């Protein structure tokens, strides 16, 4: 099942994993050591990040290294930007309305 990138960032632990891996490549064990949750829980979070296309793992000997794929986050950035512009427009219209009311009151 292919998950959506928005599912990945919905969870605070997954967001923190993304932040960690943006800094450096870590093994699955190194990621798990950073959290106060079980190793299987971290593995599940890593699996979801992988299914969303945000993470890949490379086997090096017996270790699996986690590597972030930041390009997929651009979908989130575009969505946020689109909605930011929409709300800025609405707030600008509201500000204009308030200024009109103020001007009528001052007359």
Protein backbone atom coordinates (compact mmCIF):
# COMPACT_ATOMS: atom_id res chain seq x y z
CA UNK A 1 0.00 0.00 0.00
CA UNK A 2 1.43 3.37 -1.01
CA UNK A 3 0.83 5.92 1.69
CA UNK A 4 0.55 9.66 1.33
CA UNK A 5 3.31 12.04 2.44
CA UNK A 6 0.75 13.86 4.60
CA UNK A 7 0.28 10.66 6.61
CA UNK A 8 4.00 10.64 7.27
CA UNK A 9 4.15 14.13 8.70
CA UNK A 10 0.94 13.72 10.71
CA UNK A 11 2.80 11.91 13.48
CA UNK A 12 5.23 13.84 15.73
CA UNK A 13 7.66 10.92 15.99
CA UNK A 14 7.87 10.61 12.21
CA UNK A 15 8.44 14.37 11.92
CA UNK A 16 11.26 14.05 14.44
CA UNK A 17 12.74 11.11 12.51
CA UNK A 18 12.66 13.24 9.35
CA UNK A 19 14.47 16.03 11.23
CA UNK A 20 17.12 13.61 12.52
CA UNK A 21 17.74 12.07 9.12
CA UNK A 22 17.91 15.49 7.48
CA UNK A 23 21.01 16.06 9.63
CA UNK A 24 22.75 12.75 8.99
CA UNK A 25 22.44 9.17 7.80
CA UNK A 26 21.63 6.86 10.73
CA UNK A 27 21.20 3.14 11.16
CA UNK A 28 17.81 1.81 12.23
CA UNK A 29 19.29 1.13 15.69
CA UNK A 30 20.69 4.66 15.94
CA UNK A 31 17.27 6.09 15.09
CA UNK A 32 15.61 3.83 17.67
CA UNK A 33 18.09 4.91 20.36
CA UNK A 34 16.93 8.53 19.98
CA UNK A 35 13.38 7.72 21.10
CA UNK A 36 11.72 6.50 24.24
CA UNK A 37 9.57 3.99 22.36
CA UNK A 38 10.15 0.37 21.37
CA UNK A 39 12.34 -0.66 18.47
CA UNK A 40 9.34 -2.31 16.72
CA UNK A 41 7.43 0.98 17.00
CA UNK A 42 10.33 2.86 15.39
CA UNK A 43 10.54 0.20 12.67
CA UNK A 44 6.85 0.77 11.96
CA UNK A 45 7.41 4.53 11.69
CA UNK A 46 10.36 3.95 9.35
CA UNK A 47 8.24 1.62 7.23
CA UNK A 48 5.54 4.29 6.88
CA UNK A 49 8.14 6.90 5.92
CA UNK A 50 9.49 4.47 3.34
CA UNK A 51 6.02 3.73 1.94
CA UNK A 52 5.48 7.48 1.58
CA UNK A 53 8.67 7.82 -0.45
CA UNK A 54 10.41 9.92 2.21
CA UNK A 55 12.96 7.33 3.25
CA UNK A 56 15.09 4.61 1.80
CA UNK A 57 17.31 2.12 3.55
CA UNK A 58 20.67 0.86 2.39
CA UNK A 59 22.12 -2.36 3.70
CA UNK A 60 25.78 -2.12 4.66
CA UNK A 61 26.87 -5.43 6.07
CA UNK A 62 24.49 -6.31 8.88
CA UNK A 63 23.30 -2.73 9.36
CA UNK A 64 20.55 -0.86 7.55
CA UNK A 65 21.18 2.85 7.07
CA UNK A 66 18.22 5.22 6.76
CA UNK A 67 18.46 7.96 4.17
CA UNK A 68 15.89 10.74 3.85
CA UNK A 69 14.49 11.63 0.43
CA UNK A 70 13.52 15.28 0.90
CA UNK A 71 12.08 15.87 -2.58
CA UNK A 72 8.80 14.23 -1.60
CA UNK A 73 8.32 16.93 1.04
CA UNK A 74 7.96 19.47 -1.77
CA UNK A 75 4.32 18.33 -2.12
CA UNK A 76 3.71 19.48 1.44
CA UNK A 77 5.48 22.77 0.82
CA UNK A 78 3.39 23.45 -2.30
CA UNK A 79 0.16 22.64 -0.46
CA UNK A 80 1.05 24.90 2.48
CA UNK A 81 2.05 27.73 0.12
CA UNK A 82 -1.20 27.44 -1.81
CA UNK A 83 -3.24 27.70 1.38
CA UNK A 84 -1.06 30.47 2.80
CA UNK A 85 -1.83 32.62 -0.24
CA UNK A 86 -5.54 31.86 0.08
CA UNK A 87 -5.60 32.92 3.73
CA UNK A 88 -3.52 36.02 3.03
CA UNK A 89 -6.08 37.05 0.41
CA UNK A 90 -8.96 36.47 2.84
CA UNK A 91 -7.19 38.43 5.57
CA UNK A 92 -6.43 41.28 3.16
CA UNK A 93 -10.13 41.46 2.24
CA UNK A 94 -11.05 41.45 5.91
CA UNK A 95 -8.54 44.25 6.59
CA UNK A 96 -10.04 46.28 3.74
CA UNK A 97 -13.51 45.77 5.20
CA UNK A 98 -12.36 46.89 8.65
CA UNK A 99 -10.72 49.98 7.14
CA UNK A 100 -13.97 50.82 5.33
CA UNK A 101 -15.87 50.54 8.60
CA UNK A 102 -13.33 52.73 10.37
CA UNK A 103 -13.50 55.34 7.61
CA UNK A 104 -17.33 55.44 7.81
CA UNK A 105 -17.11 55.88 11.57
CA UNK A 106 -14.59 58.75 11.20
CA UNK A 107 -16.82 60.65 8.74
